[in-house]
PDB file of N, CA and C in Angstrom:
ATOM      1  N   MET A   1       8.087   1.199  -8.079  1.00  0.00           N
ATOM      2  CA  MET A   1       7.722  -0.203  -7.162  1.00  0.00           C
ATOM      3  C   MET A   1       7.031  -1.515  -7.950  1.00  0.00           C
ATOM      4  N   LYS A   2       7.842  -2.380  -7.314  1.00  0.00           N
ATOM      5  CA  LYS A   2       7.345  -3.864  -8.946  1.00  0.00           C
ATOM      6  C   LYS A   2       6.462  -4.525  -7.349  1.00  0.00           C
ATOM      7  N   PHE A   3       5.626  -5.209  -8.570  1.00  0.00           N
ATOM      8  CA  PHE A   3       4.057  -6.248  -8.041  1.00  0.00           C
ATOM      9  C   PHE A   3       3.997  -7.082  -9.027  1.00  0.00           C
ATOM     10  N   ARG A   4       3.464  -7.840  -8.323  1.00  0.00           N
ATOM     11  CA  ARG A   4       3.072  -9.520  -9.408  1.00  0.00           C
ATOM     12  C   ARG A   4       1.733  -8.962  -8.887  1.00  0.00           C
ATOM     13  N   ILE A   5       0.745  -9.392  -9.410  1.00  0.00           N
ATOM     14  CA  ILE A   5      -0.333  -9.135  -9.872  1.00  0.00           C
ATOM     15  C   ILE A   5      -0.926 -10.922  -9.319  1.00  0.00           C
ATOM     16  N   GLU A   6      -1.689 -10.959  -8.376  1.00  0.00           N
ATOM     17  CA  GLU A   6      -2.128 -12.004  -7.966  1.00  0.00           C
ATOM     18  C   GLU A   6      -3.966 -12.711  -8.427  1.00  0.00           C
ATOM     19  N   SER A   7      -4.206 -10.975  -8.311  1.00  0.00           N
ATOM     20  CA  SER A   7      -6.045 -11.914  -9.294  1.00  0.00           C
ATOM     21  C   SER A   7      -6.841 -10.215  -9.036  1.00  0.00           C
ATOM     22  N   LEU A   8      -7.704 -10.634 -10.284  1.00  0.00           N
ATOM     23  CA  LEU A   8      -8.419  -9.587 -10.151  1.00  0.00           C
ATOM     24  C   LEU A   8      -9.711 -10.242 -10.502  1.00  0.00           C
ATOM     25  N   PHE A   9     -10.270  -8.717  -9.891  1.00  0.00           N
ATOM     26  CA  PHE A   9     -12.196  -8.958  -9.896  1.00  0.00           C
ATOM     27  C   PHE A   9     -12.483  -7.770  -9.447  1.00  0.00           C
ATOM     28  N   SER A  10     -13.676  -7.976  -9.537  1.00  0.00           N
ATOM     29  CA  SER A  10     -14.762  -6.790  -9.054  1.00  0.00           C
ATOM     30  C   SER A  10     -16.379  -6.795  -8.709  1.00  0.00           C
ATOM     31  N   VAL A  11     -16.513  -5.363  -7.722  1.00  0.00           N
ATOM     32  CA  VAL A  11     -17.754  -5.671  -6.918  1.00  0.00           C
ATOM     33  C   VAL A  11     -18.566  -4.639  -7.177  1.00  0.00           C
ATOM     34  N   ARG A  12     -19.352  -4.927  -7.947  1.00  0.00           N
ATOM     35  CA  ARG A  12     -21.021  -3.876  -7.661  1.00  0.00           C
ATOM     36  C   ARG A  12     -20.388  -3.162  -9.074  1.00  0.00           C
ATOM     37  N   GLY A  13     -19.698  -3.818 -10.126  1.00  0.00           N
ATOM     38  CA  GLY A  13     -18.876  -3.041 -11.929  1.00  0.00           C
ATOM     39  C   GLY A  13     -17.741  -1.877 -11.542  1.00  0.00           C
ATOM     40  N   ILE A  14     -17.215  -2.095  -9.800  1.00  0.00           N
ATOM     41  CA  ILE A  14     -15.870  -1.458 -10.101  1.00  0.00           C
ATOM     42  C   ILE A  14     -14.798  -2.212  -9.564  1.00  0.00           C
ATOM     43  N   PRO A  15     -13.822  -2.180 -10.756  1.00  0.00           N
ATOM     44  CA  PRO A  15     -12.506  -3.160 -10.720  1.00  0.00           C
ATOM     45  C   PRO A  15     -11.504  -3.027  -9.920  1.00  0.00           C
ATOM     46  N   TYR A  16     -11.208  -4.510  -9.253  1.00  0.00           N
ATOM     47  CA  TYR A  16      -9.478  -4.039  -8.808  1.00  0.00           C
ATOM     48  C   TYR A  16      -8.562  -4.839  -8.987  1.00  0.00           C
ATOM     49  N   VAL A  17      -7.667  -5.109  -8.289  1.00  0.00           N
ATOM     50  CA  VAL A  17      -6.667  -5.909  -8.582  1.00  0.00           C
ATOM     51  C   VAL A  17      -6.006  -6.292  -7.519  1.00  0.00           C
ATOM     52  N   MET A  18      -5.879  -7.481  -6.734  1.00  0.00           N
ATOM     53  CA  MET A  18      -4.923  -7.945  -5.591  1.00  0.00           C
ATOM     54  C   MET A  18      -3.458  -8.140  -6.492  1.00  0.00           C
ATOM     55  N   VAL A  19      -2.457  -7.664  -5.839  1.00  0.00           N
ATOM     56  CA  VAL A  19      -1.203  -7.657  -6.035  1.00  0.00           C
ATOM     57  C   VAL A  19      -0.121  -7.944  -4.868  1.00  0.00           C
ATOM     58  N   ARG A  20       1.164  -8.159  -4.869  1.00  0.00           N
ATOM     59  CA  ARG A  20       1.337  -8.192  -3.820  1.00  0.00           C
ATOM     60  C   ARG A  20       3.123  -7.963  -4.100  1.00  0.00           C
ATOM     61  N   GLN A  21       3.552  -6.997  -3.430  1.00  0.00           N
ATOM     62  CA  GLN A  21       5.107  -6.087  -3.639  1.00  0.00           C
ATOM     63  C   GLN A  21       6.020  -7.691  -3.141  1.00  0.00           C
ATOM     64  N   ILE A  22       6.798  -7.282  -4.189  1.00  0.00           N
ATOM     65  CA  ILE A  22       7.681  -7.915  -4.961  1.00  0.00           C
ATOM     66  C   ILE A  22       9.325  -6.910  -4.787  1.00  0.00           C
ATOM     67  N   GLU A  23       9.136  -5.468  -4.580  1.00  0.00           N
ATOM     68  CA  GLU A  23      10.477  -5.107  -4.133  1.00  0.00           C
ATOM     69  C   GLU A  23      10.289  -4.369  -2.721  1.00  0.00           C
ATOM     70  N   THR A  24      10.703  -4.167  -1.613  1.00  0.00           N
ATOM     71  CA  THR A  24      10.811  -3.172  -0.279  1.00  0.00           C
ATOM     72  C   THR A  24      10.915  -2.049  -0.769  1.00  0.00           C
ATOM     73  N   GLY A  25      10.125  -1.400  -0.014  1.00  0.00           N
ATOM     74  CA  GLY A  25      10.156   0.488  -0.016  1.00  0.00           C
ATOM     75  C   GLY A  25       9.014   0.688   0.631  1.00  0.00           C
ATOM     76  N   GLU A  26       8.436   1.923   0.739  1.00  0.00           N
ATOM     77  CA  GLU A  26       7.269   2.821   0.331  1.00  0.00           C
ATOM     78  C   GLU A  26       6.332   3.386  -0.690  1.00  0.00           C
ATOM     79  N   PHE A  27       5.639   3.136  -0.648  1.00  0.00           N
ATOM     80  CA  PHE A  27       4.462   3.974  -1.777  1.00  0.00           C
ATOM     81  C   PHE A  27       3.096   4.621  -1.992  1.00  0.00           C
ATOM     82  N   SER A  28       2.649   4.767  -2.028  1.00  0.00           N
ATOM     83  CA  SER A  28       1.748   5.522  -2.137  1.00  0.00           C
ATOM     84  C   SER A  28       1.018   5.604  -3.160  1.00  0.00           C
ATOM     85  N   VAL A  29      -0.985   5.770  -3.444  1.00  0.00           N
ATOM     86  CA  VAL A  29      -1.626   6.154  -4.552  1.00  0.00           C
ATOM     87  C   VAL A  29      -1.810   6.641  -5.061  1.00  0.00           C
ATOM     88  N   SER A  30      -2.426   7.629  -5.657  1.00  0.00           N
ATOM     89  CA  SER A  30      -3.163   8.992  -5.876  1.00  0.00           C
ATOM     90  C   SER A  30      -3.974   8.210  -7.122  1.00  0.00           C
ATOM     91  N   ALA A  31      -4.599   9.974  -7.710  1.00  0.00           N
ATOM     92  CA  ALA A  31      -5.572  10.164  -8.503  1.00  0.00           C
ATOM     93  C   ALA A  31      -4.806   9.725  -9.871  1.00  0.00           C
ATOM     94  N   SER A  32      -3.463  10.319 -10.122  1.00  0.00           N
ATOM     95  CA  SER A  32      -2.469   9.837 -10.824  1.00  0.00           C
ATOM     96  C   SER A  32      -1.744   8.911 -11.348  1.00  0.00           C
ATOM     97  N   SER A  33      -2.009   8.332 -10.242  1.00  0.00           N
ATOM     98  CA  SER A  33      -1.289   6.628  -9.990  1.00  0.00           C
ATOM     99  C   SER A  33      -1.391   6.131 -11.359  1.00  0.00           C
ATOM    100  N   ARG A  34      -0.553   4.912 -11.503  1.00  0.00           N
ATOM    101  CA  ARG A  34      -0.206   4.273 -12.657  1.00  0.00           C
ATOM    102  C   ARG A  34      -0.040   2.849 -12.195  1.00  0.00           C
ATOM    103  N   LEU A  35      -0.861   1.881 -12.678  1.00  0.00           N
ATOM    104  CA  LEU A  35       0.099   0.622 -12.973  1.00  0.00           C
ATOM    105  C   LEU A  35       0.311  -0.192 -13.944  1.00  0.00           C
ATOM    106  N   SER A  36       1.602   0.028 -14.401  1.00  0.00           N
ATOM    107  CA  SER A  36       2.126  -0.214 -15.068  1.00  0.00           C
ATOM    108  C   SER A  36       1.700   1.578 -16.183  1.00  0.00           C
ATOM    109  N   GLU A  37       0.993   0.857 -17.001  1.00  0.00           N
ATOM    110  CA  GLU A  37      -0.047   1.824 -18.168  1.00  0.00           C
ATOM    111  C   GLU A  37      -0.884   2.218 -18.025  1.00  0.00           C
ATOM    112  N   VAL A  38      -1.636   1.760 -16.902  1.00  0.00           N
ATOM    113  CA  VAL A  38      -3.612   1.145 -16.446  1.00  0.00           C
ATOM    114  C   VAL A  38      -3.486   2.369 -15.092  1.00  0.00           C
ATOM    115  N   PRO A  39      -4.405   3.223 -15.618  1.00  0.00           N
ATOM    116  CA  PRO A  39      -4.547   4.746 -14.608  1.00  0.00           C
ATOM    117  C   PRO A  39      -5.333   3.592 -13.444  1.00  0.00           C
ATOM    118  N   LEU A  40      -4.939   3.922 -11.977  1.00  0.00           N
ATOM    119  CA  LEU A  40      -5.820   3.872 -10.966  1.00  0.00           C
ATOM    120  C   LEU A  40      -6.576   4.700 -10.182  1.00  0.00           C
ATOM    121  N   ARG A  41      -7.329   4.238  -9.912  1.00  0.00           N
ATOM    122  CA  ARG A  41      -8.091   5.186  -8.801  1.00  0.00           C
ATOM    123  C   ARG A  41      -7.594   5.648  -7.099  1.00  0.00           C
ATOM    124  N   SER A  42      -7.543   6.621  -6.802  1.00  0.00           N
ATOM    125  CA  SER A  42      -6.841   7.108  -5.772  1.00  0.00           C
ATOM    126  C   SER A  42      -7.789   6.178  -4.780  1.00  0.00           C
ATOM    127  N   PHE A  43      -7.544   4.439  -4.363  1.00  0.00           N
ATOM    128  CA  PHE A  43      -7.510   3.753  -3.808  1.00  0.00           C
ATOM    129  C   PHE A  43      -6.882   2.305  -3.885  1.00  0.00           C
ATOM    130  N   MET A  44      -6.565   2.157  -2.105  1.00  0.00           N
ATOM    131  CA  MET A  44      -5.563   0.987  -1.982  1.00  0.00           C
ATOM    132  C   MET A  44      -6.355   0.566  -0.141  1.00  0.00           C
ATOM    133  N   ASP A  45      -6.419  -0.401  -0.277  1.00  0.00           N
ATOM    134  CA  ASP A  45      -6.447  -1.008   0.668  1.00  0.00           C
ATOM    135  C   ASP A  45      -5.029  -2.802   1.151  1.00  0.00           C
ATOM    136  N   GLN A  46      -5.454  -2.669   2.246  1.00  0.00           N
ATOM    137  CA  GLN A  46      -4.390  -3.953   2.752  1.00  0.00           C
ATOM    138  C   GLN A  46      -5.339  -5.083   3.425  1.00  0.00           C
ATOM    139  N   PRO A  47      -5.619  -6.239   2.109  1.00  0.00           N
ATOM    140  CA  PRO A  47      -6.414  -7.183   3.351  1.00  0.00           C
ATOM    141  C   PRO A  47      -5.734  -7.749   4.272  1.00  0.00           C
ATOM    142  N   ARG A  48      -6.681  -7.992   5.978  1.00  0.00           N
ATOM    143  CA  ARG A  48      -6.124  -8.674   6.780  1.00  0.00           C
ATOM    144  C   ARG A  48      -5.804 -10.159   6.447  1.00  0.00           C
ATOM    145  N   SER A  49      -4.119 -11.038   5.859  1.00  0.00           N
ATOM    146  CA  SER A  49      -4.114 -11.662   5.791  1.00  0.00           C
ATOM    147  C   SER A  49      -3.040 -12.555   6.253  1.00  0.00           C
ATOM    148  N   LEU A  50      -3.073 -13.492   7.072  1.00  0.00           N
ATOM    149  CA  LEU A  50      -1.566 -14.191   7.572  1.00  0.00           C
ATOM    150  C   LEU A  50      -0.700 -15.162   6.851  1.00  0.00           C
ATOM    151  N   ARG A  51       0.791 -15.457   7.097  1.00  0.00           N
ATOM    152  CA  ARG A  51       1.581 -16.070   6.277  1.00  0.00           C
ATOM    153  C   ARG A  51       1.505 -17.902   7.156  1.00  0.00           C
ATOM    154  N   ALA A  52       1.968 -18.434   6.650  1.00  0.00           N
ATOM    155  CA  ALA A  52       1.837 -19.919   6.904  1.00  0.00           C
ATOM    156  C   ALA A  52       2.428 -19.976   8.327  1.00  0.00           C
ATOM    157  N   ASP A  53       3.284 -19.273   8.584  1.00  0.00           N
ATOM    158  CA  ASP A  53       3.971 -19.387  10.166  1.00  0.00           C
ATOM    159  C   ASP A  53       3.290 -18.323  11.101  1.00  0.00           C
ATOM    160  N   GLY A  54       1.982 -17.959  10.768  1.00  0.00           N
ATOM    161  CA  GLY A  54       0.571 -16.886  11.572  1.00  0.00           C
ATOM    162  C   GLY A  54       1.659 -15.802  11.391  1.00  0.00           C
ATOM    163  N   SER A  55       2.810 -15.217  11.280  1.00  0.00           N
ATOM    164  CA  SER A  55       2.615 -13.328  11.092  1.00  0.00           C
ATOM    165  C   SER A  55       1.213 -12.815  10.233  1.00  0.00           C
ATOM    166  N   PRO A  56       1.590 -11.189  10.389  1.00  0.00           N
ATOM    167  CA  PRO A  56       0.876 -10.635   9.626  1.00  0.00           C
ATOM    168  C   PRO A  56       1.490 -11.235   7.902  1.00  0.00           C
ATOM    169  N   ASP A  57       0.808 -10.650   7.148  1.00  0.00           N
ATOM    170  CA  ASP A  57       1.608 -10.749   5.402  1.00  0.00           C
ATOM    171  C   ASP A  57       1.110  -9.344   5.064  1.00  0.00           C
ATOM    172  N   LEU A  58       1.996  -8.171   5.355  1.00  0.00           N
ATOM    173  CA  LEU A  58       2.052  -7.412   5.152  1.00  0.00           C
ATOM    174  C   LEU A  58       2.335  -7.076   3.808  1.00  0.00           C
ATOM    175  N   GLU A  59       2.509  -7.241   2.404  1.00  0.00           N
ATOM    176  CA  GLU A  59       3.084  -7.557   0.890  1.00  0.00           C
ATOM    177  C   GLU A  59       1.674  -7.924   0.381  1.00  0.00           C
ATOM    178  N   GLY A  60       0.563  -7.684   0.481  1.00  0.00           N
ATOM    179  CA  GLY A  60      -1.170  -7.901   0.075  1.00  0.00           C
ATOM    180  C   GLY A  60      -1.610  -6.745  -0.637  1.00  0.00           C
ATOM    181  N   PHE A  61      -1.545  -6.359  -1.472  1.00  0.00           N
ATOM    182  CA  PHE A  61      -2.344  -5.000  -1.934  1.00  0.00           C
ATOM    183  C   PHE A  61      -3.235  -5.467  -2.211  1.00  0.00           C
ATOM    184  N   VAL A  62      -4.962  -3.998  -2.526  1.00  0.00           N
ATOM    185  CA  VAL A  62      -5.885  -4.493  -3.204  1.00  0.00           C
ATOM    186  C   VAL A  62      -6.187  -2.766  -3.822  1.00  0.00           C
ATOM    187  N   LEU A  63      -6.018  -2.666  -5.095  1.00  0.00           N
ATOM    188  CA  LEU A  63      -5.987  -1.388  -5.868  1.00  0.00           C
ATOM    189  C   LEU A  63      -6.965  -1.310  -6.234  1.00  0.00           C
ATOM    190  N   SER A  64      -7.427  -0.237  -7.349  1.00  0.00           N
ATOM    191  CA  SER A  64      -8.799  -0.347  -7.758  1.00  0.00           C
ATOM    192  C   SER A  64      -7.988   0.256  -9.547  1.00  0.00           C
ATOM    193  N   LEU A  65      -8.598   0.077 -10.144  1.00  0.00           N
ATOM    194  CA  LEU A  65      -8.268   0.172 -11.587  1.00  0.00           C
ATOM    195  C   LEU A  65      -9.713   1.646 -11.841  1.00  0.00           C
ATOM    196  N   ALA A  66      -8.979   2.646 -12.745  1.00  0.00           N
ATOM    197  CA  ALA A  66      -9.601   3.796 -13.010  1.00  0.00           C
ATOM    198  C   ALA A  66     -11.168   3.036 -13.985  1.00  0.00           C
ATOM    199  N   ASP A  67     -10.472   2.284 -15.148  1.00  0.00           N
ATOM    200  CA  ASP A  67     -11.943   2.274 -16.288  1.00  0.00           C
ATOM    201  C   ASP A  67     -11.474   0.719 -16.226  1.00  0.00           C
ATOM    202  N   PRO A  68     -13.067   0.017 -16.119  1.00  0.00           N
ATOM    203  CA  PRO A  68     -13.338  -1.639 -15.903  1.00  0.00           C
ATOM    204  C   PRO A  68     -12.357  -2.555 -17.268  1.00  0.00           C
ATOM    205  N   LEU A  69     -12.171  -1.523 -18.810  1.00  0.00           N
ATOM    206  CA  LEU A  69     -12.330  -2.387 -19.725  1.00  0.00           C
ATOM    207  C   LEU A  69     -10.946  -2.757 -19.674  1.00  0.00           C
ATOM    208  N   ASP A  70     -10.050  -2.167 -18.688  1.00  0.00           N
ATOM    209  CA  ASP A  70      -8.621  -1.652 -18.342  1.00  0.00           C
ATOM    210  C   ASP A  70      -7.888  -3.200 -18.198  1.00  0.00           C
ATOM    211  N   SER A  71      -9.157  -3.874 -17.369  1.00  0.00           N
ATOM    212  CA  SER A  71      -8.639  -5.271 -16.902  1.00  0.00           C
ATOM    213  C   SER A  71      -8.731  -6.277 -17.703  1.00  0.00           C
ATOM    214  N   ALA A  72      -8.749  -6.273 -19.580  1.00  0.00           N
ATOM    215  CA  ALA A  72      -8.194  -6.973 -20.048  1.00  0.00           C
ATOM    216  C   ALA A  72      -6.851  -7.005 -20.059  1.00  0.00           C
ATOM    217  N   ARG A  73      -5.888  -5.541 -19.871  1.00  0.00           N
ATOM    218  CA  ARG A  73      -5.075  -5.552 -20.573  1.00  0.00           C
ATOM    219  C   ARG A  73      -3.573  -6.223 -19.216  1.00  0.00           C
ATOM    220  N   LEU A  74      -4.363  -6.558 -18.133  1.00  0.00           N
ATOM    221  CA  LEU A  74      -3.663  -6.965 -16.485  1.00  0.00           C
ATOM    222  C   LEU A  74      -4.054  -8.876 -16.521  1.00  0.00           C
ATOM    223  N   SER A  75      -3.353  -9.352 -16.434  1.00  0.00           N
ATOM    224  CA  SER A  75      -3.270 -10.729 -15.959  1.00  0.00           C
ATOM    225  C   SER A  75      -2.296 -11.427 -15.123  1.00  0.00           C
ATOM    226  N   GLU A  76      -2.688 -12.383 -14.406  1.00  0.00           N
ATOM    227  CA  GLU A  76      -2.841 -13.102 -13.214  1.00  0.00           C
ATOM    228  C   GLU A  76      -0.945 -13.758 -13.227  1.00  0.00           C
ATOM    229  N   GLY A  77      -0.109 -13.179 -12.958  1.00  0.00           N
ATOM    230  CA  GLY A  77       1.077 -13.426 -12.275  1.00  0.00           C
ATOM    231  C   GLY A  77       1.881 -12.906 -13.363  1.00  0.00           C
ATOM    232  N   GLN A  78       1.464 -11.468 -13.633  1.00  0.00           N
ATOM    233  CA  GLN A  78       2.685 -10.314 -14.343  1.00  0.00           C
ATOM    234  C   GLN A  78       2.916  -9.406 -13.269  1.00  0.00           C
ATOM    235  N   ILE A  79       4.063  -8.797 -13.767  1.00  0.00           N
ATOM    236  CA  ILE A  79       5.200  -8.069 -12.589  1.00  0.00           C
ATOM    237  C   ILE A  79       4.904  -6.606 -13.486  1.00  0.00           C
ATOM    238  N   VAL A  80       4.090  -5.371 -12.693  1.00  0.00           N
ATOM    239  CA  VAL A  80       3.639  -4.489 -13.090  1.00  0.00           C
ATOM    240  C   VAL A  80       4.635  -3.342 -12.349  1.00  0.00           C
ATOM    241  N   GLU A  81       4.719  -2.399 -12.033  1.00  0.00           N
ATOM    242  CA  GLU A  81       5.557  -1.397 -11.540  1.00  0.00           C
ATOM    243  C   GLU A  81       4.135  -0.258 -11.169  1.00  0.00           C
ATOM    244  N   VAL A  82       4.243  -0.107  -9.672  1.00  0.00           N
ATOM    245  CA  VAL A  82       2.503   0.992  -9.626  1.00  0.00           C
ATOM    246  C   VAL A  82       4.260   2.215  -9.337  1.00  0.00           C
ATOM    247  N   GLN A  83       3.352   3.699 -10.387  1.00  0.00           N
ATOM    248  CA  GLN A  83       4.162   4.710 -10.985  1.00  0.00           C
ATOM    249  C   GLN A  83       3.068   5.871  -9.868  1.00  0.00           C
ATOM    250  N   PRO A  84       3.894   6.492  -9.652  1.00  0.00           N
ATOM    251  CA  PRO A  84       3.170   7.686  -8.448  1.00  0.00           C
ATOM    252  C   PRO A  84       2.280   8.756 -10.197  1.00  0.00           C
TER     253      PRO A  84
END
């Protein structure tokens, strides 16, 4: 499933990436999942946010990278794929 990277950030040394789903469908994240070639931790969150029309934005997700050094391999605007 394809996503566009909206931002990269870290909290207390843990790297996170905010992505926007650009293909419809369901997905999950496990300890073996990857964001393109970058390993992920088994963490996924959906921030509470609203669209301009006031409806819930259900296409944004926050994922966590397994290795902080992998942040350098990703960039805002990049199209990536979540692999199970």
